[in-house]
Amino acid sequence: MKDYVSLWLGNFRNFDEVEKYTEIKYDEDGNSIPSTFEREFKLGYYNRDLIEKDWITDSEDEIKKLLVEFSYDDQLIKQFIDVKLNAKYNTIILVYNYNYDKDGRAVDSIDKNGYKLNYIGVAEYID
């Protein structure tokens, strides 16, 4: 079955910061509170179990090296290989079964004190 994955690359100080940025919290009634990631990029509904993220110590500007060892990496690398990265990144966030281009794509990048994150694009993959 063919589906979509949306890719963000950025720079954070460490993995804990990435975790905090993407963390879903819950109120006392059990309702979820959107993560900073979801709020800043104005994400629509997606399956929160289908997100992969990583932080690497040595920043990289080759998409092949950034995506290796993620799910469906061989399929994703082929589609993103021609994307010219103008910076080195240490943070990778992939949201599977989600097409950010079709779901509004309200925000292309966030640059805050302490972190940066850029939306790179959408790829198709076959499960």
PDB file of N, CA and C in Angstrom:
ATOM      1  N   MET A   1       0.834  -1.186   0.000  1.00  0.00           N
ATOM      2  CA  MET A   1       0.000   0.000   0.000  1.00  0.00           C
ATOM      3  C   MET A   1       0.881   1.252   0.000  1.00  0.00           C
ATOM      4  N   LYS A   2       0.579   2.191  -0.878  1.00  0.00           N
ATOM      5  CA  LYS A   2       1.367   3.411  -0.985  1.00  0.00           C
ATOM      6  C   LYS A   2       0.864   4.457   0.002  1.00  0.00           C
ATOM      7  N   ASP A   3       1.802   5.148   0.651  1.00  0.00           N
ATOM      8  CA  ASP A   3       1.437   6.215   1.565  1.00  0.00           C
ATOM      9  C   ASP A   3       2.492   7.311   1.511  1.00  0.00           C
ATOM     10  N   TYR A   4       2.316   8.327   2.338  1.00  0.00           N
ATOM     11  CA  TYR A   4       3.205   9.486   2.330  1.00  0.00           C
ATOM     12  C   TYR A   4       3.957   9.616   3.643  1.00  0.00           C
ATOM     13  N   VAL A   5       5.117  10.263   3.561  1.00  0.00           N
ATOM     14  CA  VAL A   5       5.871  10.624   4.754  1.00  0.00           C
ATOM     15  C   VAL A   5       6.361  12.056   4.555  1.00  0.00           C
ATOM     16  N   SER A   6       6.238  12.855   5.618  1.00  0.00           N
ATOM     17  CA  SER A   6       6.684  14.251   5.587  1.00  0.00           C
ATOM     18  C   SER A   6       7.967  14.365   6.394  1.00  0.00           C
ATOM     19  N   LEU A   7       8.901  15.174   5.872  1.00  0.00           N
ATOM     20  CA  LEU A   7      10.248  15.262   6.446  1.00  0.00           C
ATOM     21  C   LEU A   7      10.576  16.676   6.900  1.00  0.00           C
ATOM     22  N   TRP A   8      11.105  16.775   8.119  1.00  0.00           N
ATOM     23  CA  TRP A   8      11.645  18.023   8.651  1.00  0.00           C
ATOM     24  C   TRP A   8      13.094  17.775   9.067  1.00  0.00           C
ATOM     25  N   LEU A   9      13.954  18.741   8.816  1.00  0.00           N
ATOM     26  CA  LEU A   9      15.346  18.695   9.271  1.00  0.00           C
ATOM     27  C   LEU A   9      15.628  19.974  10.048  1.00  0.00           C
ATOM     28  N   GLY A  10      16.466  19.847  11.059  1.00  0.00           N
ATOM     29  CA  GLY A  10      16.756  21.024  11.864  1.00  0.00           C
ATOM     30  C   GLY A  10      17.985  20.858  12.719  1.00  0.00           C
ATOM     31  N   ASN A  11      18.112  21.778  13.647  1.00  0.00           N
ATOM     32  CA  ASN A  11      19.224  21.761  14.591  1.00  0.00           C
ATOM     33  C   ASN A  11      18.712  22.054  15.992  1.00  0.00           C
ATOM     34  N   PHE A  12      18.989  21.118  16.875  1.00  0.00           N
ATOM     35  CA  PHE A  12      18.658  21.250  18.292  1.00  0.00           C
ATOM     36  C   PHE A  12      19.937  21.009  19.094  1.00  0.00           C
ATOM     37  N   ARG A  13      19.940  21.453  20.335  1.00  0.00           N
ATOM     38  CA  ARG A  13      21.140  21.292  21.184  1.00  0.00           C
ATOM     39  C   ARG A  13      21.431  19.841  21.526  1.00  0.00           C
ATOM     40  N   ASN A  14      20.365  19.047  21.736  1.00  0.00           N
ATOM     41  CA  ASN A  14      20.543  17.648  22.104  1.00  0.00           C
ATOM     42  C   ASN A  14      19.235  16.891  21.894  1.00  0.00           C
ATOM     43  N   PHE A  15      19.282  15.575  22.077  1.00  0.00           N
ATOM     44  CA  PHE A  15      18.097  14.754  21.838  1.00  0.00           C
ATOM     45  C   PHE A  15      16.971  15.089  22.811  1.00  0.00           C
ATOM     46  N   ASP A  16      17.309  15.426  24.060  1.00  0.00           N
ATOM     47  CA  ASP A  16      16.277  15.781  25.041  1.00  0.00           C
ATOM     48  C   ASP A  16      15.452  16.973  24.575  1.00  0.00           C
ATOM     49  N   GLU A  17      16.104  17.936  23.921  1.00  0.00           N
ATOM     50  CA  GLU A  17      15.387  19.106  23.390  1.00  0.00           C
ATOM     51  C   GLU A  17      14.417  18.693  22.283  1.00  0.00           C
ATOM     52  N   VAL A  18      14.845  17.752  21.439  1.00  0.00           N
ATOM     53  CA  VAL A  18      13.975  17.244  20.374  1.00  0.00           C
ATOM     54  C   VAL A  18      12.778  16.532  20.998  1.00  0.00           C
ATOM     55  N   GLU A  19      13.037  15.717  22.003  1.00  0.00           N
ATOM     56  CA  GLU A  19      11.967  15.002  22.692  1.00  0.00           C
ATOM     57  C   GLU A  19      10.966  15.981  23.307  1.00  0.00           C
ATOM     58  N   LYS A  20      11.477  16.997  23.974  1.00  0.00           N
ATOM     59  CA  LYS A  20      10.618  17.994  24.608  1.00  0.00           C
ATOM     60  C   LYS A  20       9.786  18.731  23.550  1.00  0.00           C
ATOM     61  N   TYR A  21      10.386  19.037  22.414  1.00  0.00           N
ATOM     62  CA  TYR A  21       9.734  19.761  21.330  1.00  0.00           C
ATOM     63  C   TYR A  21       8.576  18.969  20.716  1.00  0.00           C
ATOM     64  N   THR A  22       8.728  17.652  20.665  1.00  0.00           N
ATOM     65  CA  THR A  22       7.710  16.801  20.026  1.00  0.00           C
ATOM     66  C   THR A  22       6.794  16.104  21.043  1.00  0.00           C
ATOM     67  N   GLU A  23       6.987  16.385  22.318  1.00  0.00           N
ATOM     68  CA  GLU A  23       6.241  15.688  23.370  1.00  0.00           C
ATOM     69  C   GLU A  23       4.767  16.101  23.411  1.00  0.00           C
ATOM     70  N   ILE A  24       3.916  15.099  23.476  1.00  0.00           N
ATOM     71  CA  ILE A  24       2.478  15.303  23.646  1.00  0.00           C
ATOM     72  C   ILE A  24       2.196  15.193  25.140  1.00  0.00           C
ATOM     73  N   LYS A  25       1.540  16.203  25.697  1.00  0.00           N
ATOM     74  CA  LYS A  25       1.166  16.158  27.114  1.00  0.00           C
ATOM     75  C   LYS A  25      -0.341  15.967  27.214  1.00  0.00           C
ATOM     76  N   TYR A  26      -0.793  15.665  28.412  1.00  0.00           N
ATOM     77  CA  TYR A  26      -2.216  15.419  28.637  1.00  0.00           C
ATOM     78  C   TYR A  26      -2.693  16.212  29.842  1.00  0.00           C
ATOM     79  N   ASP A  27      -3.937  16.719  29.747  1.00  0.00           N
ATOM     80  CA  ASP A  27      -4.507  17.434  30.883  1.00  0.00           C
ATOM     81  C   ASP A  27      -5.112  16.432  31.858  1.00  0.00           C
ATOM     82  N   GLU A  28      -5.678  16.941  32.942  1.00  0.00           N
ATOM     83  CA  GLU A  28      -6.198  16.039  33.975  1.00  0.00           C
ATOM     84  C   GLU A  28      -7.382  15.195  33.492  1.00  0.00           C
ATOM     85  N   ASP A  29      -8.045  15.624  32.406  1.00  0.00           N
ATOM     86  CA  ASP A  29      -9.145  14.838  31.840  1.00  0.00           C
ATOM     87  C   ASP A  29      -8.667  13.811  30.814  1.00  0.00           C
ATOM     88  N   GLY A  30      -7.372  13.783  30.552  1.00  0.00           N
ATOM     89  CA  GLY A  30      -6.835  12.832  29.589  1.00  0.00           C
ATOM     90  C   GLY A  30      -6.834  13.338  28.156  1.00  0.00           C
ATOM     91  N   ASN A  31      -7.190  14.599  27.962  1.00  0.00           N
ATOM     92  CA  ASN A  31      -7.161  15.185  26.618  1.00  0.00           C
ATOM     93  C   ASN A  31      -5.735  15.575  26.260  1.00  0.00           C
ATOM     94  N   SER A  32      -5.373  15.334  25.017  1.00  0.00           N
ATOM     95  CA  SER A  32      -4.002  15.636  24.626  1.00  0.00           C
ATOM     96  C   SER A  32      -3.809  17.130  24.395  1.00  0.00           C
ATOM     97  N   ILE A  33      -2.619  17.578  24.735  1.00  0.00           N
ATOM     98  CA  ILE A  33      -2.195  18.952  24.503  1.00  0.00           C
ATOM     99  C   ILE A  33      -1.154  18.879  23.395  1.00  0.00           C
ATOM    100  N   PRO A  34      -1.397  19.555  22.276  1.00  0.00           N
ATOM    101  CA  PRO A  34      -0.462  19.461  21.152  1.00  0.00           C
ATOM    102  C   PRO A  34       0.974  19.835  21.545  1.00  0.00           C
ATOM    103  N   SER A  35       1.916  19.171  20.901  1.00  0.00           N
ATOM    104  CA  SER A  35       3.331  19.478  21.139  1.00  0.00           C
ATOM    105  C   SER A  35       3.677  20.824  20.518  1.00  0.00           C
ATOM    106  N   THR A  36       4.811  21.364  20.904  1.00  0.00           N
ATOM    107  CA  THR A  36       5.304  22.604  20.292  1.00  0.00           C
ATOM    108  C   THR A  36       5.454  22.406  18.789  1.00  0.00           C
ATOM    109  N   PHE A  37       5.969  21.260  18.379  1.00  0.00           N
ATOM    110  CA  PHE A  37       6.112  20.921  16.959  1.00  0.00           C
ATOM    111  C   PHE A  37       4.763  21.032  16.245  1.00  0.00           C
ATOM    112  N   GLU A  38       3.746  20.403  16.805  1.00  0.00           N
ATOM    113  CA  GLU A  38       2.414  20.429  16.188  1.00  0.00           C
ATOM    114  C   GLU A  38       1.853  21.841  16.116  1.00  0.00           C
ATOM    115  N   ARG A  39       2.048  22.624  17.169  1.00  0.00           N
ATOM    116  CA  ARG A  39       1.528  24.002  17.194  1.00  0.00           C
ATOM    117  C   ARG A  39       2.272  24.903  16.222  1.00  0.00           C
ATOM    118  N   GLU A  40       3.602  24.855  16.247  1.00  0.00           N
ATOM    119  CA  GLU A  40       4.379  25.770  15.411  1.00  0.00           C
ATOM    120  C   GLU A  40       4.192  25.507  13.922  1.00  0.00           C
ATOM    121  N   PHE A  41       4.071  24.246  13.537  1.00  0.00           N
ATOM    122  CA  PHE A  41       3.884  23.926  12.123  1.00  0.00           C
ATOM    123  C   PHE A  41       2.410  23.750  11.754  1.00  0.00           C
ATOM    124  N   LYS A  42       1.515  23.998  12.722  1.00  0.00           N
ATOM    125  CA  LYS A  42       0.072  23.932  12.495  1.00  0.00           C
ATOM    126  C   LYS A  42      -0.335  22.601  11.831  1.00  0.00           C
ATOM    127  N   LEU A  43       0.174  21.512  12.396  1.00  0.00           N
ATOM    128  CA  LEU A  43      -0.108  20.187  11.838  1.00  0.00           C
ATOM    129  C   LEU A  43      -1.573  19.822  12.009  1.00  0.00           C
ATOM    130  N   GLY A  44      -2.107  19.165  11.005  1.00  0.00           N
ATOM    131  CA  GLY A  44      -3.440  18.602  11.103  1.00  0.00           C
ATOM    132  C   GLY A  44      -3.347  17.251  11.793  1.00  0.00           C
ATOM    133  N   TYR A  45      -4.436  16.501  11.721  1.00  0.00           N
ATOM    134  CA  TYR A  45      -4.439  15.192  12.371  1.00  0.00           C
ATOM    135  C   TYR A  45      -3.434  14.252  11.710  1.00  0.00           C
ATOM    136  N   TYR A  46      -2.697  13.538  12.537  1.00  0.00           N
ATOM    137  CA  TYR A  46      -1.834  12.448  12.078  1.00  0.00           C
ATOM    138  C   TYR A  46      -1.757  11.426  13.202  1.00  0.00           C
ATOM    139  N   ASN A  47      -1.381  10.220  12.846  1.00  0.00           N
ATOM    140  CA  ASN A  47      -1.254   9.161  13.839  1.00  0.00           C
ATOM    141  C   ASN A  47       0.042   9.398  14.612  1.00  0.00           C
ATOM    142  N   ARG A  48      -0.080   9.762  15.867  1.00  0.00           N
ATOM    143  CA  ARG A  48       1.079  10.132  16.680  1.00  0.00           C
ATOM    144  C   ARG A  48       2.019   8.957  16.952  1.00  0.00           C
ATOM    145  N   ASP A  49       1.574   7.749  16.638  1.00  0.00           N
ATOM    146  CA  ASP A  49       2.453   6.581  16.774  1.00  0.00           C
ATOM    147  C   ASP A  49       3.377   6.423  15.572  1.00  0.00           C
ATOM    148  N   LEU A  50       3.131   7.204  14.512  1.00  0.00           N
ATOM    149  CA  LEU A  50       3.887   7.038  13.269  1.00  0.00           C
ATOM    150  C   LEU A  50       4.854   8.194  13.033  1.00  0.00           C
ATOM    151  N   ILE A  51       5.566   8.560  14.073  1.00  0.00           N
ATOM    152  CA  ILE A  51       6.590   9.604  13.963  1.00  0.00           C
ATOM    153  C   ILE A  51       7.931   8.990  14.365  1.00  0.00           C
ATOM    154  N   GLU A  52       8.953   9.295  13.579  1.00  0.00           N
ATOM    155  CA  GLU A  52      10.312   8.870  13.914  1.00  0.00           C
ATOM    156  C   GLU A  52      11.164  10.124  13.983  1.00  0.00           C
ATOM    157  N   LYS A  53      12.081  10.142  14.936  1.00  0.00           N
ATOM    158  CA  LYS A  53      12.958  11.297  15.076  1.00  0.00           C
ATOM    159  C   LYS A  53      14.306  10.857  15.600  1.00  0.00           C
ATOM    160  N   ASP A  54      15.310  11.674  15.293  1.00  0.00           N
ATOM    161  CA  ASP A  54      16.648  11.373  15.782  1.00  0.00           C
ATOM    162  C   ASP A  54      17.441  12.665  15.873  1.00  0.00           C
ATOM    163  N   TRP A  55      18.473  12.620  16.681  1.00  0.00           N
ATOM    164  CA  TRP A  55      19.422  13.709  16.839  1.00  0.00           C
ATOM    165  C   TRP A  55      20.807  13.087  16.722  1.00  0.00           C
ATOM    166  N   ILE A  56      21.667  13.674  15.890  1.00  0.00           N
ATOM    167  CA  ILE A  56      23.014  13.127  15.703  1.00  0.00           C
ATOM    168  C   ILE A  56      24.045  14.140  16.183  1.00  0.00           C
ATOM    169  N   THR A  57      25.160  13.653  16.681  1.00  0.00           N
ATOM    170  CA  THR A  57      26.169  14.557  17.241  1.00  0.00           C
ATOM    171  C   THR A  57      26.908  15.344  16.171  1.00  0.00           C
ATOM    172  N   ASP A  58      27.152  14.730  15.013  1.00  0.00           N
ATOM    173  CA  ASP A  58      27.868  15.414  13.937  1.00  0.00           C
ATOM    174  C   ASP A  58      26.881  15.839  12.855  1.00  0.00           C
ATOM    175  N   SER A  59      26.643  17.132  12.753  1.00  0.00           N
ATOM    176  CA  SER A  59      25.709  17.655  11.748  1.00  0.00           C
ATOM    177  C   SER A  59      26.125  17.207  10.353  1.00  0.00           C
ATOM    178  N   GLU A  60      25.128  17.050   9.485  1.00  0.00           N
ATOM    179  CA  GLU A  60      25.351  16.476   8.164  1.00  0.00           C
ATOM    180  C   GLU A  60      24.543  17.263   7.129  1.00  0.00           C
ATOM    181  N   ASP A  61      25.082  17.385   5.911  1.00  0.00           N
ATOM    182  CA  ASP A  61      24.331  18.064   4.850  1.00  0.00           C
ATOM    183  C   ASP A  61      24.040  17.145   3.668  1.00  0.00           C
ATOM    184  N   GLU A  62      24.223  15.844   3.863  1.00  0.00           N
ATOM    185  CA  GLU A  62      23.873  14.862   2.838  1.00  0.00           C
ATOM    186  C   GLU A  62      22.624  14.117   3.280  1.00  0.00           C
ATOM    187  N   ILE A  63      21.576  14.240   2.474  1.00  0.00           N
ATOM    188  CA  ILE A  63      20.292  13.631   2.815  1.00  0.00           C
ATOM    189  C   ILE A  63      20.420  12.124   3.018  1.00  0.00           C
ATOM    190  N   LYS A  64      21.299  11.495   2.227  1.00  0.00           N
ATOM    191  CA  LYS A  64      21.491  10.049   2.326  1.00  0.00           C
ATOM    192  C   LYS A  64      21.978   9.673   3.730  1.00  0.00           C
ATOM    193  N   LYS A  65      22.910  10.439   4.256  1.00  0.00           N
ATOM    194  CA  LYS A  65      23.451  10.142   5.588  1.00  0.00           C
ATOM    195  C   LYS A  65      22.451  10.471   6.692  1.00  0.00           C
ATOM    196  N   LEU A  66      21.607  11.469   6.466  1.00  0.00           N
ATOM    197  CA  LEU A  66      20.610  11.839   7.475  1.00  0.00           C
ATOM    198  C   LEU A  66      19.476  10.809   7.579  1.00  0.00           C
ATOM    199  N   LEU A  67      19.100  10.224   6.457  1.00  0.00           N
ATOM    200  CA  LEU A  67      17.939   9.324   6.452  1.00  0.00           C
ATOM    201  C   LEU A  67      18.272   7.846   6.626  1.00  0.00           C
ATOM    202  N   VAL A  68      19.540   7.494   6.579  1.00  0.00           N
ATOM    203  CA  VAL A  68      19.913   6.089   6.685  1.00  0.00           C
ATOM    204  C   VAL A  68      19.456   5.534   8.042  1.00  0.00           C
ATOM    205  N   GLU A  69      18.943   4.320   8.017  1.00  0.00           N
ATOM    206  CA  GLU A  69      18.462   3.582   9.182  1.00  0.00           C
ATOM    207  C   GLU A  69      17.073   3.989   9.663  1.00  0.00           C
ATOM    208  N   PHE A  70      16.421   4.926   8.963  1.00  0.00           N
ATOM    209  CA  PHE A  70      15.017   5.191   9.265  1.00  0.00           C
ATOM    210  C   PHE A  70      14.176   4.170   8.499  1.00  0.00           C
ATOM    211  N   SER A  71      12.920   4.011   8.888  1.00  0.00           N
ATOM    212  CA  SER A  71      12.028   3.115   8.169  1.00  0.00           C
ATOM    213  C   SER A  71      11.932   3.532   6.704  1.00  0.00           C
ATOM    214  N   TYR A  72      11.969   2.553   5.819  1.00  0.00           N
ATOM    215  CA  TYR A  72      11.840   2.773   4.369  1.00  0.00           C
ATOM    216  C   TYR A  72      12.933   3.693   3.821  1.00  0.00           C
ATOM    217  N   ASP A  73      14.090   3.721   4.475  1.00  0.00           N
ATOM    218  CA  ASP A  73      15.147   4.667   4.087  1.00  0.00           C
ATOM    219  C   ASP A  73      15.547   4.540   2.620  1.00  0.00           C
ATOM    220  N   ASP A  74      15.576   3.312   2.090  1.00  0.00           N
ATOM    221  CA  ASP A  74      15.965   3.145   0.680  1.00  0.00           C
ATOM    222  C   ASP A  74      14.983   3.861  -0.248  1.00  0.00           C
ATOM    223  N   GLN A  75      13.689   3.777   0.054  1.00  0.00           N
ATOM    224  CA  GLN A  75      12.683   4.456  -0.764  1.00  0.00           C
ATOM    225  C   GLN A  75      12.755   5.979  -0.585  1.00  0.00           C
ATOM    226  N   LEU A  76      12.945   6.426   0.634  1.00  0.00           N
ATOM    227  CA  LEU A  76      12.950   7.862   0.922  1.00  0.00           C
ATOM    228  C   LEU A  76      14.186   8.548   0.344  1.00  0.00           C
ATOM    229  N   ILE A  77      15.333   7.923   0.505  1.00  0.00           N
ATOM    230  CA  ILE A  77      16.581   8.517   0.004  1.00  0.00           C
ATOM    231  C   ILE A  77      16.490   8.740  -1.502  1.00  0.00           C
ATOM    232  N   LYS A  78      15.942   7.770  -2.234  1.00  0.00           N
ATOM    233  CA  LYS A  78      15.806   7.912  -3.695  1.00  0.00           C
ATOM    234  C   LYS A  78      14.996   9.147  -4.062  1.00  0.00           C
ATOM    235  N   GLN A  79      13.973   9.460  -3.272  1.00  0.00           N
ATOM    236  CA  GLN A  79      13.104  10.591  -3.597  1.00  0.00           C
ATOM    237  C   GLN A  79      13.659  11.933  -3.123  1.00  0.00           C
ATOM    238  N   PHE A  80      14.432  11.917  -2.050  1.00  0.00           N
ATOM    239  CA  PHE A  80      14.971  13.171  -1.503  1.00  0.00           C
ATOM    240  C   PHE A  80      16.410  13.445  -1.946  1.00  0.00           C
ATOM    241  N   ILE A  81      17.020  12.514  -2.686  1.00  0.00           N
ATOM    242  CA  ILE A  81      18.444  12.614  -3.016  1.00  0.00           C
ATOM    243  C   ILE A  81      18.791  13.907  -3.762  1.00  0.00           C
ATOM    244  N   ASP A  82      17.873  14.431  -4.560  1.00  0.00           N
ATOM    245  CA  ASP A  82      18.158  15.645  -5.326  1.00  0.00           C
ATOM    246  C   ASP A  82      17.883  16.936  -4.565  1.00  0.00           C
ATOM    247  N   VAL A  83      17.382  16.819  -3.337  1.00  0.00           N
ATOM    248  CA  VAL A  83      17.135  18.013  -2.531  1.00  0.00           C
ATOM    249  C   VAL A  83      18.480  18.586  -2.104  1.00  0.00           C
ATOM    250  N   LYS A  84      18.722  19.846  -2.464  1.00  0.00           N
ATOM    251  CA  LYS A  84      19.981  20.505  -2.101  1.00  0.00           C
ATOM    252  C   LYS A  84      19.822  21.130  -0.726  1.00  0.00           C
ATOM    253  N   LEU A  85      20.564  20.607   0.222  1.00  0.00           N
ATOM    254  CA  LEU A  85      20.526  21.158   1.574  1.00  0.00           C
ATOM    255  C   LEU A  85      21.533  22.297   1.673  1.00  0.00           C
ATOM    256  N   ASN A  86      21.081  23.436   2.130  1.00  0.00           N
ATOM    257  CA  ASN A  86      21.947  24.618   2.234  1.00  0.00           C
ATOM    258  C   ASN A  86      22.539  24.788   3.620  1.00  0.00           C
ATOM    259  N   ALA A  87      22.404  23.761   4.433  1.00  0.00           N
ATOM    260  CA  ALA A  87      22.935  23.827   5.796  1.00  0.00           C
ATOM    261  C   ALA A  87      23.202  22.406   6.270  1.00  0.00           C
ATOM    262  N   LYS A  88      23.908  22.319   7.381  1.00  0.00           N
ATOM    263  CA  LYS A  88      24.125  21.027   8.027  1.00  0.00           C
ATOM    264  C   LYS A  88      23.074  20.887   9.122  1.00  0.00           C
ATOM    265  N   TYR A  89      22.572  19.663   9.267  1.00  0.00           N
ATOM    266  CA  TYR A  89      21.508  19.403  10.231  1.00  0.00           C
ATOM    267  C   TYR A  89      21.896  18.287  11.186  1.00  0.00           C
ATOM    268  N   ASN A  90      21.345  18.366  12.416  1.00  0.00           N
ATOM    269  CA  ASN A  90      21.574  17.295  13.381  1.00  0.00           C
ATOM    270  C   ASN A  90      20.270  16.659  13.866  1.00  0.00           C
ATOM    271  N   THR A  91      19.137  17.137  13.346  1.00  0.00           N
ATOM    272  CA  THR A  91      17.834  16.647  13.793  1.00  0.00           C
ATOM    273  C   THR A  91      16.983  16.240  12.598  1.00  0.00           C
ATOM    274  N   ILE A  92      16.371  15.068  12.707  1.00  0.00           N
ATOM    275  CA  ILE A  92      15.521  14.532  11.654  1.00  0.00           C
ATOM    276  C   ILE A  92      14.183  14.160  12.279  1.00  0.00           C
ATOM    277  N   ILE A  93      13.077  14.620  11.662  1.00  0.00           N
ATOM    278  CA  ILE A  93      11.737  14.244  12.105  1.00  0.00           C
ATOM    279  C   ILE A  93      10.962  13.775  10.877  1.00  0.00           C
ATOM    280  N   LEU A  94      10.440  12.566  10.955  1.00  0.00           N
ATOM    281  CA  LEU A  94       9.628  11.987   9.884  1.00  0.00           C
ATOM    282  C   LEU A  94       8.248  11.665  10.446  1.00  0.00           C
ATOM    283  N   VAL A  95       7.204  12.098   9.733  1.00  0.00           N
ATOM    284  CA  VAL A  95       5.832  11.754  10.117  1.00  0.00           C
ATOM    285  C   VAL A  95       5.251  10.913   8.989  1.00  0.00           C
ATOM    286  N   TYR A  96       5.022   9.642   9.293  1.00  0.00           N
ATOM    287  CA  TYR A  96       4.531   8.686   8.304  1.00  0.00           C
ATOM    288  C   TYR A  96       3.013   8.758   8.175  1.00  0.00           C
ATOM    289  N   ASN A  97       2.521   8.376   6.993  1.00  0.00           N
ATOM    290  CA  ASN A  97       1.092   8.398   6.672  1.00  0.00           C
ATOM    291  C   ASN A  97       0.529   9.806   6.825  1.00  0.00           C
ATOM    292  N   TYR A  98       1.349  10.786   6.463  1.00  0.00           N
ATOM    293  CA  TYR A  98       0.943  12.189   6.601  1.00  0.00           C
ATOM    294  C   TYR A  98       1.572  12.999   5.466  1.00  0.00           C
ATOM    295  N   ASN A  99       0.735  13.759   4.765  1.00  0.00           N
ATOM    296  CA  ASN A  99       1.195  14.593   3.659  1.00  0.00           C
ATOM    297  C   ASN A  99       1.020  16.057   4.052  1.00  0.00           C
ATOM    298  N   TYR A 100       2.090  16.660   4.555  1.00  0.00           N
ATOM    299  CA  TYR A 100       2.037  18.052   5.024  1.00  0.00           C
ATOM    300  C   TYR A 100       1.718  19.013   3.884  1.00  0.00           C
ATOM    301  N   ASP A 101       2.129  18.699   2.655  1.00  0.00           N
ATOM    302  CA  ASP A 101       1.815  19.558   1.510  1.00  0.00           C
ATOM    303  C   ASP A 101       0.306  19.684   1.307  1.00  0.00           C
ATOM    304  N   LYS A 102      -0.413  18.575   1.440  1.00  0.00           N
ATOM    305  CA  LYS A 102      -1.861  18.591   1.230  1.00  0.00           C
ATOM    306  C   LYS A 102      -2.618  19.084   2.447  1.00  0.00           C
ATOM    307  N   ASP A 103      -1.984  19.020   3.606  1.00  0.00           N
ATOM    308  CA  ASP A 103      -2.673  19.368   4.844  1.00  0.00           C
ATOM    309  C   ASP A 103      -2.394  20.817   5.244  1.00  0.00           C
ATOM    310  N   GLY A 104      -2.250  21.689   4.256  1.00  0.00           N
ATOM    311  CA  GLY A 104      -2.125  23.098   4.578  1.00  0.00           C
ATOM    312  C   GLY A 104      -0.742  23.671   4.366  1.00  0.00           C
ATOM    313  N   ARG A 105       0.273  22.940   4.784  1.00  0.00           N
ATOM    314  CA  ARG A 105       1.645  23.433   4.727  1.00  0.00           C
ATOM    315  C   ARG A 105       1.719  24.908   5.098  1.00  0.00           C
ATOM    316  N   ALA A 106       1.293  25.216   6.274  1.00  0.00           N
ATOM    317  CA  ALA A 106       1.192  26.590   6.723  1.00  0.00           C
ATOM    318  C   ALA A 106       2.554  27.224   7.017  1.00  0.00           C
ATOM    319  N   VAL A 107       3.520  26.434   7.430  1.00  0.00           N
ATOM    320  CA  VAL A 107       4.800  26.971   7.893  1.00  0.00           C
ATOM    321  C   VAL A 107       5.940  26.181   7.243  1.00  0.00           C
ATOM    322  N   ASP A 108       6.913  26.893   6.680  1.00  0.00           N
ATOM    323  CA  ASP A 108       8.067  26.235   6.058  1.00  0.00           C
ATOM    324  C   ASP A 108       9.230  26.038   7.021  1.00  0.00           C
ATOM    325  N   SER A 109       9.411  26.994   7.932  1.00  0.00           N
ATOM    326  CA  SER A 109      10.536  26.858   8.859  1.00  0.00           C
ATOM    327  C   SER A 109      10.294  27.648  10.132  1.00  0.00           C
ATOM    328  N   ILE A 110      10.957  27.195  11.170  1.00  0.00           N
ATOM    329  CA  ILE A 110      10.917  27.835  12.482  1.00  0.00           C
ATOM    330  C   ILE A 110      12.364  28.086  12.879  1.00  0.00           C
ATOM    331  N   ASP A 111      12.641  29.291  13.326  1.00  0.00           N
ATOM    332  CA  ASP A 111      13.985  29.646  13.783  1.00  0.00           C
ATOM    333  C   ASP A 111      13.839  30.380  15.105  1.00  0.00           C
ATOM    334  N   LYS A 112      14.038  29.647  16.180  1.00  0.00           N
ATOM    335  CA  LYS A 112      13.867  30.204  17.525  1.00  0.00           C
ATOM    336  C   LYS A 112      15.209  30.211  18.239  1.00  0.00           C
ATOM    337  N   ASN A 113      15.224  30.831  19.363  1.00  0.00           N
ATOM    338  CA  ASN A 113      16.421  30.809  20.188  1.00  0.00           C
ATOM    339  C   ASN A 113      16.610  29.395  20.715  1.00  0.00           C
ATOM    340  N   GLY A 114      17.627  28.709  20.245  1.00  0.00           N
ATOM    341  CA  GLY A 114      17.878  27.351  20.724  1.00  0.00           C
ATOM    342  C   GLY A 114      17.607  26.257  19.715  1.00  0.00           C
ATOM    343  N   TYR A 115      16.804  26.533  18.694  1.00  0.00           N
ATOM    344  CA  TYR A 115      16.562  25.504  17.689  1.00  0.00           C
ATOM    345  C   TYR A 115      16.054  26.104  16.379  1.00  0.00           C
ATOM    346  N   LYS A 116      16.262  25.314  15.326  1.00  0.00           N
ATOM    347  CA  LYS A 116      15.766  25.628  13.980  1.00  0.00           C
ATOM    348  C   LYS A 116      15.187  24.354  13.416  1.00  0.00           C
ATOM    349  N   LEU A 117      14.130  24.493  12.610  1.00  0.00           N
ATOM    350  CA  LEU A 117      13.552  23.324  11.965  1.00  0.00           C
ATOM    351  C   LEU A 117      12.964  23.755  10.629  1.00  0.00           C
ATOM    352  N   ASN A 118      13.309  23.010   9.568  1.00  0.00           N
ATOM    353  CA  ASN A 118      12.827  23.307   8.216  1.00  0.00           C
ATOM    354  C   ASN A 118      12.031  22.141   7.678  1.00  0.00           C
ATOM    355  N   TYR A 119      10.898  22.476   7.062  1.00  0.00           N
ATOM    356  CA  TYR A 119      10.132  21.469   6.351  1.00  0.00           C
ATOM    357  C   TYR A 119      10.832  21.230   5.018  1.00  0.00           C
ATOM    358  N   ILE A 120      11.131  19.959   4.708  1.00  0.00           N
ATOM    359  CA  ILE A 120      11.875  19.613   3.496  1.00  0.00           C
ATOM    360  C   ILE A 120      10.950  19.143   2.382  1.00  0.00           C
ATOM    361  N   GLY A 121       9.971  18.315   2.705  1.00  0.00           N
ATOM    362  CA  GLY A 121       9.062  17.840   1.664  1.00  0.00           C
ATOM    363  C   GLY A 121       8.390  16.533   2.016  1.00  0.00           C
ATOM    364  N   VAL A 122       7.673  15.997   1.022  1.00  0.00           N
ATOM    365  CA  VAL A 122       6.914  14.761   1.182  1.00  0.00           C
ATOM    366  C   VAL A 122       7.437  13.731   0.198  1.00  0.00           C
ATOM    367  N   ALA A 123       7.491  12.498   0.630  1.00  0.00           N
ATOM    368  CA  ALA A 123       7.858  11.387  -0.251  1.00  0.00           C
ATOM    369  C   ALA A 123       6.762  10.325  -0.142  1.00  0.00           C
ATOM    370  N   GLU A 124       6.696   9.472  -1.151  1.00  0.00           N
ATOM    371  CA  GLU A 124       5.800   8.335  -1.112  1.00  0.00           C
ATOM    372  C   GLU A 124       6.612   7.116  -0.722  1.00  0.00           C
ATOM    373  N   TYR A 125       5.957   6.195  -0.049  1.00  0.00           N
ATOM    374  CA  TYR A 125       6.613   4.915   0.241  1.00  0.00           C
ATOM    375  C   TYR A 125       5.577   3.814   0.145  1.00  0.00           C
ATOM    376  N   ILE A 126       6.060   2.621  -0.123  1.00  0.00           N
ATOM    377  CA  ILE A 126       5.185   1.457  -0.183  1.00  0.00           C
ATOM    378  C   ILE A 126       5.476   0.582   1.015  1.00  0.00           C
ATOM    379  N   ASP A 127       4.441   0.343   1.791  1.00  0.00           N
ATOM    380  CA  ASP A 127       4.557  -0.444   3.023  1.00  0.00           C
ATOM    381  C   ASP A 127       4.554  -1.926   2.677  1.00  0.00           C
TER     382      ASP A 127
END
